[in-house]
Amino acid sequence: MALRMKGVSYEYIEQDVLDKGELLLKYNPVHKKVPVLIHNGVPLCESQIIVQYIDEVWAGANGASILPADPYERATARFWAAYVDDKLFPAWLGILKATSQDERTEKVNKTLAVVAQLELALAQCSNGKAFFAGDSVGFLDLVVGCNLFWFEALRRMFGVVFVEEGKTPLLAAWAERFGESGAARDVVPDADRAVEFAKKLMARRGSAPAAN
């Protein structure tokens, strides 16, 4: 999405993260996970690091600035982005990894609590505008937005809704705008593929099946 915002052409190489191939192990031997950006033959790893690198290397490209120019706003965006990585991602991933229905319920509740905090973060960061970054998609929008197709996959699998108008009206409206934005449209993975991957992950880990 960051490369799309900058108008930079790139080659996308799909990787099987369950059966890691030689290319992934070569370019990310430490964590052995995606994403990896290879630029000028040099690999960069970790999503947020990659996005910030893209913003700096292609500064001003396509008229898009991903990180806020204001130091305080930039620090605030990084704070909430770290919160997403530290709290949101482990919470919803735990739903898939849960070995019992009680554990899954606990992880669902944790995810809902984190989403409630992000509703407050959106109110703080957006100042009443369309996105976390204000009038246009920015760093925190990308970080939070990467979770949306997983939320849809979890809804289909377990019937739980994390972003809804009744409980998180700001996030619900934002999610629609983000999905229609040039940064996300035609780039965000399809939820069907996320469901397929999630089922494979659950089968491999021996997770508890989805309750009927």
Foldseek 3Di string as FASTA:
>chain_A
DLCLQLVHDDDDDDADQVPGDPVLCVQCVPPSGDDWDQDPNHIDHDDLVVSVVSCVVSPCRVNDHAADPDPVLNVLLVVVLVVCVVQQVVLLVQLLLAADPVSNVVSLVSNLVSLLVVLVCCCVQQVPAQGSPHPDHHSSCVSVLLCVLVQVLCCVFAVDHRDDCVRRVNVNSSNVVSCPDSVNDPPRDHSVVVNVSSVVVSVVSVHDGHDD
